[in-house]
Amino acid sequence: MLSVGVEEEFLLVDTVSRAVRPEGPQVAVAAARELGHRVGTELTCYQVKGRSTPHTCMSEAAGELQTVQAALGRAAARRGLRIASSGSPITGLVAPVPLTPGPRYAESLSLFRALDDEQSACACHVHVGVADPREAIEVSNHLRPWLATLTALSRAVPDGAAGHGQLR
């Protein structure tokens, strides 16, 4: 049986100035009170991420993601911020971008500094669990021609819901 888990990254945007603010670690800590391991930091301090647990039912995964997004939105709002997803880097006037402390990001900094300076774009990662490695390769090869379509669909939302690039 296949399982699906999703990670979504968000920028933290000031509600008045619309500038990104480097409060990812603070928002992640606040949201973790409600979400536990389903929230985390990202490479830049401008970002926070939410994630679902693995699901075998897509509607359950979607429901959990809505819960995670809402909790991240509330944690951000308490700091005068909104969460926003953007596939384009947004850094404001700060360069290099402020990176989140920790060994994982320190290693990235030592290896890829110039690339890290431009990594304030948001991503959506869909993790699909399959039964064995051979099947995983076959599935990956089958999906390769459809990556652009799948990327577009990852932000398809029902009428009235916030879409890609909109503040939530």
C-alpha atoms as a PDB file:
ATOM      1  CA  MET A   1       0.000   0.000   0.000  1.00  0.00           C
ATOM      2  CA  LEU A   2       1.233   3.487  -0.842  1.00  0.00           C
ATOM      3  CA  SER A   3       1.522   6.181   1.791  1.00  0.00           C
ATOM      4  CA  VAL A   4       1.860   9.931   1.320  1.00  0.00           C
ATOM      5  CA  GLY A   5       3.351  12.593   3.571  1.00  0.00           C
ATOM      6  CA  VAL A   6       3.641  16.267   2.655  1.00  0.00           C
ATOM      7  CA  GLU A   7       5.958  19.078   3.772  1.00  0.00           C
ATOM      8  CA  GLU A   8       5.122  22.707   2.999  1.00  0.00           C
ATOM      9  CA  GLU A   9       7.441  25.688   3.478  1.00  0.00           C
ATOM     10  CA  PHE A  10       6.199  29.205   4.167  1.00  0.00           C
ATOM     11  CA  LEU A  11       7.704  32.675   4.347  1.00  0.00           C
ATOM     12  CA  LEU A  12       6.827  34.867   7.321  1.00  0.00           C
ATOM     13  CA  VAL A  13       5.484  38.183   6.077  1.00  0.00           C
ATOM     14  CA  ASP A  14       4.803  41.307   8.151  1.00  0.00           C
ATOM     15  CA  THR A  15       1.092  42.136   8.013  1.00  0.00           C
ATOM     16  CA  VAL A  16       1.733  45.878   7.614  1.00  0.00           C
ATOM     17  CA  SER A  17       4.899  46.258   5.533  1.00  0.00           C
ATOM     18  CA  ARG A  18       4.569  42.953   3.626  1.00  0.00           C
ATOM     19  CA  ALA A  19       8.318  42.465   4.126  1.00  0.00           C
ATOM     20  CA  VAL A  20       9.655  39.088   5.186  1.00  0.00           C
ATOM     21  CA  ARG A  21      10.766  38.907   8.814  1.00  0.00           C
ATOM     22  CA  PRO A  22      13.407  36.551  10.247  1.00  0.00           C
ATOM     23  CA  GLU A  23      11.221  34.958  12.923  1.00  0.00           C
ATOM     24  CA  GLY A  24      11.069  31.352  11.705  1.00  0.00           C
ATOM     25  CA  PRO A  25      12.625  29.792  14.818  1.00  0.00           C
ATOM     26  CA  GLN A  26      10.270  31.730  17.132  1.00  0.00           C
ATOM     27  CA  VAL A  27       7.156  30.867  15.119  1.00  0.00           C
ATOM     28  CA  ALA A  28       8.226  27.200  14.905  1.00  0.00           C
ATOM     29  CA  VAL A  29       8.638  27.006  18.697  1.00  0.00           C
ATOM     30  CA  ALA A  30       5.238  28.622  19.252  1.00  0.00           C
ATOM     31  CA  ALA A  31       3.491  26.360  16.730  1.00  0.00           C
ATOM     32  CA  ALA A  32       5.221  23.247  18.102  1.00  0.00           C
ATOM     33  CA  ARG A  33       3.183  23.612  21.298  1.00  0.00           C
ATOM     34  CA  GLU A  34       0.172  22.606  19.231  1.00  0.00           C
ATOM     35  CA  LEU A  35       1.768  20.650  16.373  1.00  0.00           C
ATOM     36  CA  GLY A  36       4.746  18.889  17.945  1.00  0.00           C
ATOM     37  CA  HIS A  37       7.003  17.309  15.324  1.00  0.00           C
ATOM     38  CA  ARG A  38       4.740  18.471  12.487  1.00  0.00           C
ATOM     39  CA  VAL A  39       6.411  21.911  12.461  1.00  0.00           C
ATOM     40  CA  GLY A  40      10.028  22.890  11.952  1.00  0.00           C
ATOM     41  CA  THR A  41      12.479  25.505  10.839  1.00  0.00           C
ATOM     42  CA  GLU A  42      13.899  25.868   7.390  1.00  0.00           C
ATOM     43  CA  LEU A  43      17.227  27.088   5.984  1.00  0.00           C
ATOM     44  CA  THR A  44      16.458  30.791   6.364  1.00  0.00           C
ATOM     45  CA  CYS A  45      15.057  32.527   9.402  1.00  0.00           C
ATOM     46  CA  TYR A  46      12.389  33.947   7.090  1.00  0.00           C
ATOM     47  CA  GLN A  47      10.754  30.522   6.852  1.00  0.00           C
ATOM     48  CA  VAL A  48       8.859  27.876   8.770  1.00  0.00           C
ATOM     49  CA  LYS A  49       7.610  24.510   7.583  1.00  0.00           C
ATOM     50  CA  GLY A  50       4.739  22.218   8.382  1.00  0.00           C
ATOM     51  CA  ARG A  51       4.415  18.543   7.624  1.00  0.00           C
ATOM     52  CA  SER A  52       1.858  15.798   7.716  1.00  0.00           C
ATOM     53  CA  THR A  53       2.352  12.341   9.050  1.00  0.00           C
ATOM     54  CA  PRO A  54       2.231   9.549   6.426  1.00  0.00           C
ATOM     55  CA  HIS A  55      -1.299   8.704   5.272  1.00  0.00           C
ATOM     56  CA  THR A  56      -2.823   6.057   3.031  1.00  0.00           C
ATOM     57  CA  CYS A  57      -5.915   8.228   2.462  1.00  0.00           C
ATOM     58  CA  MET A  58      -5.455  11.538   0.610  1.00  0.00           C
ATOM     59  CA  SER A  59      -8.429  13.219   2.257  1.00  0.00           C
ATOM     60  CA  GLU A  60      -6.904  12.494   5.678  1.00  0.00           C
ATOM     61  CA  ALA A  61      -3.573  13.955   4.520  1.00  0.00           C
ATOM     62  CA  ALA A  62      -5.359  17.062   3.192  1.00  0.00           C
ATOM     63  CA  GLY A  63      -7.244  17.484   6.461  1.00  0.00           C
ATOM     64  CA  GLU A  64      -4.061  17.243   8.486  1.00  0.00           C
ATOM     65  CA  LEU A  65      -2.319  19.776   6.227  1.00  0.00           C
ATOM     66  CA  GLN A  66      -5.188  22.223   6.751  1.00  0.00           C
ATOM     67  CA  THR A  67      -4.799  21.772  10.511  1.00  0.00           C
ATOM     68  CA  VAL A  68      -1.045  22.375  10.267  1.00  0.00           C
ATOM     69  CA  GLN A  69      -1.472  25.458   8.067  1.00  0.00           C
ATOM     70  CA  ALA A  70      -4.062  26.917  10.430  1.00  0.00           C
ATOM     71  CA  ALA A  71      -1.830  26.383  13.486  1.00  0.00           C
ATOM     72  CA  LEU A  72       1.169  27.925  11.705  1.00  0.00           C
ATOM     73  CA  GLY A  73      -1.022  30.853  10.690  1.00  0.00           C
ATOM     74  CA  ARG A  74      -2.142  31.405  14.290  1.00  0.00           C
ATOM     75  CA  ALA A  75       1.432  31.212  15.620  1.00  0.00           C
ATOM     76  CA  ALA A  76       2.561  33.710  12.978  1.00  0.00           C
ATOM     77  CA  ALA A  77      -0.393  36.030  13.645  1.00  0.00           C
ATOM     78  CA  ARG A  78       0.558  36.297  17.321  1.00  0.00           C
ATOM     79  CA  ARG A  79       3.794  37.921  16.103  1.00  0.00           C
ATOM     80  CA  GLY A  80       2.086  40.252  13.579  1.00  0.00           C
ATOM     81  CA  LEU A  81       2.905  37.949  10.666  1.00  0.00           C
ATOM     82  CA  ARG A  82       1.158  35.907   7.988  1.00  0.00           C
ATOM     83  CA  ILE A  83       2.417  32.773   6.286  1.00  0.00           C
ATOM     84  CA  ALA A  84       2.898  32.857   2.516  1.00  0.00           C
ATOM     85  CA  SER A  85       4.157  30.316   0.025  1.00  0.00           C
ATOM     86  CA  SER A  86       6.315  31.634  -2.810  1.00  0.00           C
ATOM     87  CA  GLY A  87       8.338  29.766  -5.415  1.00  0.00           C
ATOM     88  CA  SER A  88      10.450  32.890  -5.987  1.00  0.00           C
ATOM     89  CA  PRO A  89      13.096  34.113  -3.541  1.00  0.00           C
ATOM     90  CA  ILE A  90      11.958  37.056  -1.463  1.00  0.00           C
ATOM     91  CA  THR A  91      14.649  38.570   0.710  1.00  0.00           C
ATOM     92  CA  GLY A  92      13.873  42.240   1.018  1.00  0.00           C
ATOM     93  CA  LEU A  93      16.966  44.360   1.514  1.00  0.00           C
ATOM     94  CA  VAL A  94      18.897  41.827   3.601  1.00  0.00           C
ATOM     95  CA  ALA A  95      21.736  39.934   1.924  1.00  0.00           C
ATOM     96  CA  PRO A  96      22.984  37.472   2.758  1.00  0.00           C
ATOM     97  CA  VAL A  97      19.755  36.105   4.165  1.00  0.00           C
ATOM     98  CA  PRO A  98      19.747  35.221   7.882  1.00  0.00           C
ATOM     99  CA  LEU A  99      20.178  31.460   8.233  1.00  0.00           C
ATOM    100  CA  THR A 100      18.604  29.365  10.953  1.00  0.00           C
ATOM    101  CA  PRO A 101      21.088  28.208  13.609  1.00  0.00           C
ATOM    102  CA  GLY A 102      21.909  24.511  13.928  1.00  0.00           C
ATOM    103  CA  PRO A 103      24.354  21.878  12.641  1.00  0.00           C
ATOM    104  CA  ARG A 104      22.346  20.975   9.524  1.00  0.00           C
ATOM    105  CA  TYR A 105      22.252  24.559   8.314  1.00  0.00           C
ATOM    106  CA  ALA A 106      25.844  25.270   9.379  1.00  0.00           C
ATOM    107  CA  GLU A 107      26.992  22.411   7.155  1.00  0.00           C
ATOM    108  CA  SER A 108      24.948  23.779   4.270  1.00  0.00           C
ATOM    109  CA  LEU A 109      26.484  27.201   4.845  1.00  0.00           C
ATOM    110  CA  SER A 110      30.021  25.817   4.759  1.00  0.00           C
ATOM    111  CA  LEU A 111      29.385  23.935   1.528  1.00  0.00           C
ATOM    112  CA  PHE A 112      26.961  26.124  -0.405  1.00  0.00           C
ATOM    113  CA  ARG A 113      27.043  29.714   0.892  1.00  0.00           C
ATOM    114  CA  ALA A 114      26.399  31.382  -2.459  1.00  0.00           C
ATOM    115  CA  LEU A 115      23.449  29.068  -3.118  1.00  0.00           C
ATOM    116  CA  ASP A 116      22.099  29.485   0.408  1.00  0.00           C
ATOM    117  CA  ASP A 117      22.007  33.251  -0.105  1.00  0.00           C
ATOM    118  CA  GLU A 118      19.239  32.705  -2.659  1.00  0.00           C
ATOM    119  CA  GLN A 119      17.248  29.989  -0.901  1.00  0.00           C
ATOM    120  CA  SER A 120      14.300  31.835   0.516  1.00  0.00           C
ATOM    121  CA  ALA A 121      11.900  30.231  -1.956  1.00  0.00           C
ATOM    122  CA  CYS A 122       9.257  27.866  -0.619  1.00  0.00           C
ATOM    123  CA  ALA A 123       8.793  24.277  -1.636  1.00  0.00           C
ATOM    124  CA  CYS A 124       6.161  21.625  -1.288  1.00  0.00           C
ATOM    125  CA  HIS A 125       7.583  18.116  -0.871  1.00  0.00           C
ATOM    126  CA  VAL A 126       5.349  15.112  -1.390  1.00  0.00           C
ATOM    127  CA  HIS A 127       6.877  11.928   0.022  1.00  0.00           C
ATOM    128  CA  VAL A 128       5.408   8.724  -1.365  1.00  0.00           C
ATOM    129  CA  GLY A 129       6.105   5.488   0.468  1.00  0.00           C
ATOM    130  CA  VAL A 130       6.218   2.330  -1.642  1.00  0.00           C
ATOM    131  CA  ALA A 131       6.803  -1.311  -0.761  1.00  0.00           C
ATOM    132  CA  ASP A 132      10.353  -1.798  -2.086  1.00  0.00           C
ATOM    133  CA  PRO A 133      13.274   0.059  -3.760  1.00  0.00           C
ATOM    134  CA  ARG A 134      12.683  -1.471  -7.212  1.00  0.00           C
ATOM    135  CA  GLU A 135       9.075  -0.310  -7.182  1.00  0.00           C
ATOM    136  CA  ALA A 136      10.206   3.160  -6.062  1.00  0.00           C
ATOM    137  CA  ILE A 137      12.499   3.461  -9.109  1.00  0.00           C
ATOM    138  CA  GLU A 138       9.753   2.297 -11.453  1.00  0.00           C
ATOM    139  CA  VAL A 139       7.284   4.793 -10.000  1.00  0.00           C
ATOM    140  CA  SER A 140       9.849   7.622 -10.207  1.00  0.00           C
ATOM    141  CA  ASN A 141      10.634   6.861 -13.842  1.00  0.00           C
ATOM    142  CA  HIS A 142       6.934   6.748 -14.697  1.00  0.00           C
ATOM    143  CA  LEU A 143       6.261  10.124 -13.010  1.00  0.00           C
ATOM    144  CA  ARG A 144       9.246  11.985 -14.496  1.00  0.00           C
ATOM    145  CA  PRO A 145       7.402  13.290 -17.613  1.00  0.00           C
ATOM    146  CA  TRP A 146       4.581  14.555 -15.395  1.00  0.00           C
ATOM    147  CA  LEU A 147       6.644  16.594 -12.899  1.00  0.00           C
ATOM    148  CA  ALA A 148       5.572  20.013 -14.230  1.00  0.00           C
ATOM    149  CA  THR A 149       1.899  19.022 -14.127  1.00  0.00           C
ATOM    150  CA  LEU A 150       2.235  17.516 -10.655  1.00  0.00           C
ATOM    151  CA  THR A 151       3.946  20.684  -9.435  1.00  0.00           C
ATOM    152  CA  ALA A 152       1.064  22.797 -10.738  1.00  0.00           C
ATOM    153  CA  LEU A 153      -1.476  20.463  -9.147  1.00  0.00           C
ATOM    154  CA  SER A 154       0.289  20.652  -5.792  1.00  0.00           C
ATOM    155  CA  ARG A 155      -1.136  24.167  -5.416  1.00  0.00           C
ATOM    156  CA  ALA A 156      -4.585  23.488  -6.865  1.00  0.00           C
ATOM    157  CA  VAL A 157      -7.154  24.425  -4.239  1.00  0.00           C
ATOM    158  CA  PRO A 158     -10.947  24.451  -4.064  1.00  0.00           C
ATOM    159  CA  ASP A 159     -12.920  27.630  -4.724  1.00  0.00           C
ATOM    160  CA  GLY A 160     -12.582  30.156  -1.928  1.00  0.00           C
ATOM    161  CA  ALA A 161      -9.359  28.703  -0.495  1.00  0.00           C
ATOM    162  CA  ALA A 162      -6.027  30.520  -0.501  1.00  0.00           C
ATOM    163  CA  GLY A 163      -3.877  29.518  -3.472  1.00  0.00           C
ATOM    164  CA  HIS A 164      -0.207  29.584  -4.355  1.00  0.00           C
ATOM    165  CA  GLY A 165       1.437  32.865  -3.482  1.00  0.00           C
ATOM    166  CA  GLN A 166      -1.493  34.192  -1.476  1.00  0.00           C
ATOM    167  CA  LEU A 167      -1.217  35.088   2.181  1.00  0.00           C
ATOM    168  CA  ARG A 168      -3.009  32.713   4.505  1.00  0.00           C
END
